[in-house]
C-alpha atoms as a PDB file:
ATOM      1  CA  MET A   1       0.156   0.159  -0.064  1.00  0.00           C
ATOM      2  CA  LEU A   2       2.409   2.402   0.929  1.00  0.00           C
ATOM      3  CA  ASN A   3       4.574   1.990  -2.201  1.00  0.00           C
ATOM      4  CA  LYS A   4       1.132   2.431  -4.726  1.00  0.00           C
ATOM      5  CA  ARG A   5       0.480   5.517  -2.497  1.00  0.00           C
ATOM      6  CA  PHE A   6       4.417   6.872  -3.023  1.00  0.00           C
ATOM      7  CA  MET A   7       3.996   5.845  -6.716  1.00  0.00           C
ATOM      8  CA  ALA A   8       0.353   7.820  -6.756  1.00  0.00           C
ATOM      9  CA  ALA A   9       2.168  10.641  -5.512  1.00  0.00           C
ATOM     10  CA  ALA A  10       5.283  11.060  -7.814  1.00  0.00           C
ATOM     11  CA  VAL A  11       2.891  10.543 -11.062  1.00  0.00           C
ATOM     12  CA  LEU A  12       0.768  12.878  -9.480  1.00  0.00           C
ATOM     13  CA  THR A  13       3.555  15.201  -8.937  1.00  0.00           C
ATOM     14  CA  VAL A  14       5.008  15.002 -12.402  1.00  0.00           C
ATOM     15  CA  ALA A  15       2.049  15.393 -14.392  1.00  0.00           C
ATOM     16  CA  VAL A  16       1.871  19.016 -12.435  1.00  0.00           C
ATOM     17  CA  PHE A  17       5.121  19.934 -13.589  1.00  0.00           C
ATOM     18  CA  ALA A  18       4.480  18.396 -16.880  1.00  0.00           C
ATOM     19  CA  ALA A  19       1.286  20.637 -17.085  1.00  0.00           C
ATOM     20  CA  ALA A  20       3.233  23.998 -16.198  1.00  0.00           C
ATOM     21  CA  PRO A  21       6.929  23.909 -16.526  1.00  0.00           C
ATOM     22  CA  ALA A  22       6.949  27.711 -17.242  1.00  0.00           C
ATOM     23  CA  SER A  23       5.453  28.576 -13.566  1.00  0.00           C
ATOM     24  CA  ALA A  24       7.064  25.874 -11.724  1.00  0.00           C
ATOM     25  CA  GLY A  25       8.191  28.925  -9.293  1.00  0.00           C
ATOM     26  CA  LEU A  26       4.671  30.622  -8.754  1.00  0.00           C
ATOM     27  CA  ILE A  27       3.250  30.624  -5.755  1.00  0.00           C
ATOM     28  CA  THR A  28      -0.346  32.211  -5.122  1.00  0.00           C
ATOM     29  CA  PHE A  29      -2.019  32.651  -1.843  1.00  0.00           C
ATOM     30  CA  GLU A  30      -5.794  33.586  -1.483  1.00  0.00           C
ATOM     31  CA  PHE A  31      -7.423  35.588   1.349  1.00  0.00           C
ATOM     32  CA  ALA A  32     -10.327  36.857   2.743  1.00  0.00           C
ATOM     33  CA  GLY A  33     -11.928  38.798   5.789  1.00  0.00           C
ATOM     34  CA  VAL A  34     -14.991  41.385   6.222  1.00  0.00           C
ATOM     35  CA  ILE A  35     -14.674  45.371   5.804  1.00  0.00           C
ATOM     36  CA  ASP A  36     -14.728  47.257   9.093  1.00  0.00           C
ATOM     37  CA  THR A  37     -14.720  50.724   8.358  1.00  0.00           C
ATOM     38  CA  VAL A  38     -15.835  52.737   5.430  1.00  0.00           C
ATOM     39  CA  SER A  39     -14.801  55.938   5.201  1.00  0.00           C
ATOM     40  CA  ASP A  40     -16.236  57.910   2.057  1.00  0.00           C
ATOM     41  CA  PRO A  41     -17.324  61.402   3.129  1.00  0.00           C
ATOM     42  CA  ASP A  42     -18.164  62.186  -0.407  1.00  0.00           C
ATOM     43  CA  ASN A  43     -20.153  59.185  -1.409  1.00  0.00           C
ATOM     44  CA  ALA A  44     -17.528  58.108  -3.991  1.00  0.00           C
ATOM     45  CA  LEU A  45     -18.624  54.647  -4.347  1.00  0.00           C
ATOM     46  CA  ASP A  46     -22.145  55.459  -3.848  1.00  0.00           C
ATOM     47  CA  GLY A  47     -22.698  52.899  -1.018  1.00  0.00           C
ATOM     48  CA  ALA A  48     -21.416  49.690  -3.259  1.00  0.00           C
ATOM     49  CA  VAL A  49     -19.192  48.894  -0.066  1.00  0.00           C
ATOM     50  CA  GLN A  50     -20.844  48.605   3.516  1.00  0.00           C
ATOM     51  CA  VAL A  51     -19.415  47.708   6.833  1.00  0.00           C
ATOM     52  CA  GLY A  52     -20.148  44.017   7.296  1.00  0.00           C
ATOM     53  CA  ASP A  53     -19.037  42.929   3.384  1.00  0.00           C
ATOM     54  CA  PRO A  54     -17.158  40.436   2.730  1.00  0.00           C
ATOM     55  CA  PHE A  55     -14.058  40.926   0.548  1.00  0.00           C
ATOM     56  CA  SER A  56     -11.669  38.139  -0.880  1.00  0.00           C
ATOM     57  CA  GLY A  57      -8.524  37.900  -3.075  1.00  0.00           C
ATOM     58  CA  SER A  58      -5.220  36.659  -4.751  1.00  0.00           C
ATOM     59  CA  TYR A  59      -1.799  37.325  -4.939  1.00  0.00           C
ATOM     60  CA  THR A  60       0.598  35.245  -7.081  1.00  0.00           C
ATOM     61  CA  PHE A  61       4.628  35.571  -6.720  1.00  0.00           C
ATOM     62  CA  ASP A  62       8.052  33.631  -7.482  1.00  0.00           C
ATOM     63  CA  SER A  63       9.547  31.620  -4.491  1.00  0.00           C
ATOM     64  CA  ASP A  64      12.821  32.648  -6.186  1.00  0.00           C
ATOM     65  CA  THR A  65      12.251  36.195  -5.847  1.00  0.00           C
ATOM     66  CA  PRO A  66      15.471  37.896  -4.162  1.00  0.00           C
ATOM     67  CA  ASP A  67      15.271  40.280  -1.707  1.00  0.00           C
ATOM     68  CA  SER A  68      15.909  43.998  -2.956  1.00  0.00           C
ATOM     69  CA  TYR A  69      17.417  44.617   0.402  1.00  0.00           C
ATOM     70  CA  PRO A  70      19.702  42.196   1.156  1.00  0.00           C
ATOM     71  CA  GLY A  71      21.872  44.003   2.999  1.00  0.00           C
ATOM     72  CA  ASP A  72      19.378  44.718   5.617  1.00  0.00           C
ATOM     73  CA  PRO A  73      18.709  41.553   7.736  1.00  0.00           C
ATOM     74  CA  GLY A  74      15.546  42.385   9.289  1.00  0.00           C
ATOM     75  CA  PHE A  75      13.833  44.010   6.291  1.00  0.00           C
ATOM     76  CA  GLY A  76      13.099  41.992   2.885  1.00  0.00           C
ATOM     77  CA  GLN A  77      11.399  43.385  -0.259  1.00  0.00           C
ATOM     78  CA  TYR A  78      10.039  41.141  -2.618  1.00  0.00           C
ATOM     79  CA  GLN A  79       8.511  42.124  -6.230  1.00  0.00           C
ATOM     80  CA  SER A  80       5.408  39.909  -6.785  1.00  0.00           C
ATOM     81  CA  HIS A  81       3.335  39.204  -9.957  1.00  0.00           C
ATOM     82  CA  SER A  82       0.401  40.307  -9.030  1.00  0.00           C
ATOM     83  CA  PHE A  83      -2.243  41.641  -6.257  1.00  0.00           C
ATOM     84  CA  ALA A  84      -6.361  41.063  -6.559  1.00  0.00           C
ATOM     85  CA  ILE A  85      -9.251  41.715  -4.520  1.00  0.00           C
ATOM     86  CA  ASN A  86     -12.869  41.799  -4.690  1.00  0.00           C
ATOM     87  CA  ILE A  87     -15.309  43.409  -2.472  1.00  0.00           C
ATOM     88  CA  ALA A  88     -18.711  43.249  -1.727  1.00  0.00           C
ATOM     89  CA  GLY A  89     -19.477  40.542  -4.230  1.00  0.00           C
ATOM     90  CA  GLY A  90     -18.195  42.583  -6.960  1.00  0.00           C
ATOM     91  CA  GLY A  91     -19.038  46.011  -5.623  1.00  0.00           C
ATOM     92  CA  LEU A  92     -15.564  47.204  -5.804  1.00  0.00           C
ATOM     93  CA  ALA A  93     -12.786  44.818  -7.827  1.00  0.00           C
ATOM     94  CA  VAL A  94      -9.548  46.007  -8.732  1.00  0.00           C
ATOM     95  CA  ASP A  95      -6.309  43.881  -9.731  1.00  0.00           C
ATOM     96  CA  ALA A  96      -2.823  44.996 -10.205  1.00  0.00           C
ATOM     97  CA  GLY A  97       0.221  43.625 -12.386  1.00  0.00           C
ATOM     98  CA  PRO A  98       4.202  42.715 -11.515  1.00  0.00           C
ATOM     99  CA  ASP A  99       5.413  46.331 -11.782  1.00  0.00           C
ATOM    100  CA  ASP A 100       2.902  47.451  -8.877  1.00  0.00           C
ATOM    101  CA  SER A 101       2.563  44.377  -6.569  1.00  0.00           C
ATOM    102  CA  GLN A 102       5.450  43.277  -3.928  1.00  0.00           C
ATOM    103  CA  ILE A 103       5.563  41.711  -0.682  1.00  0.00           C
ATOM    104  CA  LEU A 104       7.222  42.687   2.344  1.00  0.00           C
ATOM    105  CA  VAL A 105       8.678  41.247   5.227  1.00  0.00           C
ATOM    106  CA  SER A 106      10.227  42.575   8.662  1.00  0.00           C
ATOM    107  CA  ASN A 107      11.696  40.674  11.262  1.00  0.00           C
ATOM    108  CA  GLU A 108      12.817  42.888  14.179  1.00  0.00           C
ATOM    109  CA  THR A 109      13.354  42.948  17.611  1.00  0.00           C
ATOM    110  CA  TYR A 110      10.266  45.263  18.263  1.00  0.00           C
ATOM    111  CA  GLY A 111       8.227  43.137  16.178  1.00  0.00           C
ATOM    112  CA  ASP A 112       7.645  40.963  12.831  1.00  0.00           C
ATOM    113  CA  GLN A 113       5.460  42.141   9.919  1.00  0.00           C
ATOM    114  CA  TYR A 114       4.140  40.655   6.462  1.00  0.00           C
ATOM    115  CA  SER A 115       2.545  42.702   3.978  1.00  0.00           C
ATOM    116  CA  SER A 116       0.960  42.219   0.350  1.00  0.00           C
ATOM    117  CA  GLY A 117      -0.131  44.842  -1.816  1.00  0.00           C
ATOM    118  CA  ALA A 118      -0.043  47.006  -4.825  1.00  0.00           C
ATOM    119  CA  PHE A 119       0.400  50.914  -5.001  1.00  0.00           C
ATOM    120  CA  GLY A 120       0.208  53.607  -7.883  1.00  0.00           C
ATOM    121  CA  PHE A 121      -2.064  51.532 -10.477  1.00  0.00           C
ATOM    122  CA  GLU A 122      -5.376  51.838 -12.386  1.00  0.00           C
ATOM    123  CA  SER A 123      -8.140  49.448 -12.310  1.00  0.00           C
ATOM    124  CA  SER A 124     -11.692  49.393 -13.157  1.00  0.00           C
ATOM    125  CA  GLY A 125     -12.124  52.975 -12.916  1.00  0.00           C
ATOM    126  CA  VAL A 126     -10.510  53.046  -9.677  1.00  0.00           C
ATOM    127  CA  GLY A 127      -6.889  55.236  -9.278  1.00  0.00           C
ATOM    128  CA  VAL A 128      -5.242  52.597  -6.308  1.00  0.00           C
ATOM    129  CA  ASN A 129      -2.639  54.807  -4.332  1.00  0.00           C
ATOM    130  CA  GLU A 130      -2.636  52.097  -1.605  1.00  0.00           C
ATOM    131  CA  LEU A 131      -3.915  48.669  -1.105  1.00  0.00           C
ATOM    132  CA  GLU A 132      -2.598  45.618   1.227  1.00  0.00           C
ATOM    133  CA  ILE A 133      -3.046  43.110   3.644  1.00  0.00           C
ATOM    134  CA  ARG A 134      -0.819  43.902   6.641  1.00  0.00           C
ATOM    135  CA  LEU A 135       0.197  41.617   9.844  1.00  0.00           C
ATOM    136  CA  ALA A 136       1.696  42.165  12.616  1.00  0.00           C
ATOM    137  CA  ASP A 137       3.327  40.765  15.573  1.00  0.00           C
ATOM    138  CA  ASN A 138       4.224  42.909  17.951  1.00  0.00           C
ATOM    139  CA  THR A 139       6.081  39.802  20.389  1.00  0.00           C
ATOM    140  CA  ALA A 140       8.612  39.321  17.495  1.00  0.00           C
ATOM    141  CA  THR A 141       8.047  35.880  17.268  1.00  0.00           C
ATOM    142  CA  ALA A 142       6.481  35.110  14.323  1.00  0.00           C
ATOM    143  CA  PHE A 143       9.363  35.020  12.079  1.00  0.00           C
ATOM    144  CA  ASP A 144      13.071  34.085  12.349  1.00  0.00           C
ATOM    145  CA  SER A 145      14.401  36.201   9.392  1.00  0.00           C
ATOM    146  CA  ASP A 146      12.958  38.573   6.631  1.00  0.00           C
ATOM    147  CA  ALA A 147      13.090  35.033   4.272  1.00  0.00           C
ATOM    148  CA  LEU A 148      10.050  35.260   1.448  1.00  0.00           C
ATOM    149  CA  PRO A 149       7.469  32.775   3.269  1.00  0.00           C
ATOM    150  CA  VAL A 150       6.298  30.073   0.743  1.00  0.00           C
ATOM    151  CA  THR A 151       3.514  29.104   2.539  1.00  0.00           C
ATOM    152  CA  PRO A 152       0.964  31.281   4.273  1.00  0.00           C
ATOM    153  CA  PRO A 153       2.318  32.995   7.461  1.00  0.00           C
ATOM    154  CA  GLU A 154      -0.516  31.639  10.309  1.00  0.00           C
ATOM    155  CA  LEU A 155      -3.021  34.247  11.104  1.00  0.00           C
ATOM    156  CA  SER A 156      -2.856  33.286  14.780  1.00  0.00           C
ATOM    157  CA  ALA A 157       1.007  33.979  15.203  1.00  0.00           C
ATOM    158  CA  PHE A 158      -0.228  37.895  14.688  1.00  0.00           C
ATOM    159  CA  SER A 159      -2.377  40.467  16.918  1.00  0.00           C
ATOM    160  CA  TRP A 160      -2.624  42.518  13.854  1.00  0.00           C
ATOM    161  CA  ARG A 161      -4.387  41.404  10.578  1.00  0.00           C
ATOM    162  CA  THR A 162      -5.934  44.202   8.364  1.00  0.00           C
ATOM    163  CA  MET A 163      -6.839  45.385   4.898  1.00  0.00           C
ATOM    164  CA  PHE A 164      -6.318  49.123   3.652  1.00  0.00           C
ATOM    165  CA  PHE A 165      -7.773  50.520   0.485  1.00  0.00           C
ATOM    166  CA  ASN A 166      -7.217  53.797  -0.255  1.00  0.00           C
ATOM    167  CA  GLY A 167      -8.440  55.128  -3.495  1.00  0.00           C
ATOM    168  CA  VAL A 168     -10.010  57.792  -6.057  1.00  0.00           C
ATOM    169  CA  VAL A 169     -13.133  57.070  -8.167  1.00  0.00           C
ATOM    170  CA  LEU A 170     -11.300  58.369 -12.000  1.00  0.00           C
ATOM    171  CA  ALA A 171     -14.508  59.699 -13.078  1.00  0.00           C
ATOM    172  CA  SER A 172     -15.464  61.742 -10.145  1.00  0.00           C
ATOM    173  CA  ASP A 173     -11.822  62.129  -8.597  1.00  0.00           C
ATOM    174  CA  LEU A 174     -13.566  61.368  -5.255  1.00  0.00           C
ATOM    175  CA  GLU A 175     -11.139  59.678  -2.806  1.00  0.00           C
ATOM    176  CA  PHE A 176     -12.195  56.648  -0.489  1.00  0.00           C
ATOM    177  CA  ASN A 177     -10.514  54.478   2.705  1.00  0.00           C
ATOM    178  CA  LEU A 178     -11.786  51.017   3.531  1.00  0.00           C
ATOM    179  CA  TYR A 179     -10.438  48.916   6.650  1.00  0.00           C
ATOM    180  CA  GLY A 180     -11.053  45.230   7.163  1.00  0.00           C
ATOM    181  CA  THR A 181     -10.177  42.135   9.081  1.00  0.00           C
ATOM    182  CA  VAL A 182      -8.580  39.302   7.290  1.00  0.00           C
ATOM    183  CA  THR A 183      -9.888  35.945   8.367  1.00  0.00           C
ATOM    184  CA  SER A 184      -8.285  33.864   6.513  1.00  0.00           C
ATOM    185  CA  LEU A 185      -4.719  33.220   4.247  1.00  0.00           C
ATOM    186  CA  VAL A 186      -4.506  29.847   2.384  1.00  0.00           C
ATOM    187  CA  PRO A 187      -2.224  28.398  -0.911  1.00  0.00           C
ATOM    188  CA  GLU A 188      -4.385  28.146  -3.972  1.00  0.00           C
ATOM    189  CA  PRO A 189      -6.092  24.554  -4.134  1.00  0.00           C
ATOM    190  CA  THR A 190      -4.005  23.803  -6.991  1.00  0.00           C
ATOM    191  CA  VAL A 191      -0.594  25.027  -5.270  1.00  0.00           C
ATOM    192  CA  LEU A 192      -1.912  23.216  -2.111  1.00  0.00           C
ATOM    193  CA  LEU A 193      -2.268  19.805  -4.046  1.00  0.00           C
ATOM    194  CA  LEU A 194       1.285  20.236  -5.329  1.00  0.00           C
ATOM    195  CA  LEU A 195       2.967  20.891  -1.943  1.00  0.00           C
ATOM    196  CA  VAL A 196       1.019  17.725  -0.564  1.00  0.00           C
ATOM    197  CA  ALA A 197       2.107  15.505  -3.719  1.00  0.00           C
ATOM    198  CA  GLY A 198       5.619  16.477  -4.225  1.00  0.00           C
ATOM    199  CA  MET A 199       7.146  17.626  -0.906  1.00  0.00           C
ATOM    200  CA  PRO A 200       9.260  14.421  -0.750  1.00  0.00           C
ATOM    201  CA  PHE A 201      10.444  14.723  -4.197  1.00  0.00           C
ATOM    202  CA  ILE A 202      11.535  18.863  -3.832  1.00  0.00           C
ATOM    203  CA  PRO A 203      14.125  19.818  -2.427  1.00  0.00           C
ATOM    204  CA  ARG A 204      14.077  22.455   0.741  1.00  0.00           C
ATOM    205  CA  ARG A 205      14.366  25.745   0.219  1.00  0.00           C
ATOM    206  CA  ALA A 206      17.805  27.093   1.384  1.00  0.00           C
ATOM    207  CA  GLN A 207      17.498  29.322   4.202  1.00  0.00           C
ATOM    208  CA  ARG A 208      18.903  32.589   3.505  1.00  0.00           C
ATOM    209  CA  ARG A 209      20.743  33.204   6.515  1.00  0.00           C
END
């Protein structure tokens, strides 16, 4: 039985890699949460987003992306491939490409932080100044380094789990701010399948420090 399971996992792993050889290093995380605060005094969103509305999204990055600040052992910045969010069942939805998306990892004595987001882009009639999910741990125990995590950080390790969206509706030039709580951060199902099936055959990522 063990040999059969071993062979099945090996076949599945080869099949997944064969189906997408050009993107074997790409990883997608999916997130979800609830809107806590809507700051829209000029009614830029025309009521499309309300407190209590759900949001969900995803971001994709390459596991081999280098740190833009290799000389700083407590701070890592990594360019990502995309970041997208859908709020209130499509009441507001934007997506950013690789030129605007990034992941930040901080491992300092005063605390650890992890954020993924995008800045300074336009999508679906909205000018996005800042859009990110941010996790913060004031005990500085969430991370051992500023290395890029290839599995989603455990939300329970962070006391602060927020989503922030500052944007402008281009047609009216009116600004809004949205705040939310992130309640879920998981691998994309196909990524999870690859990790489970192929873990025995994939060399562990070398520790940066």
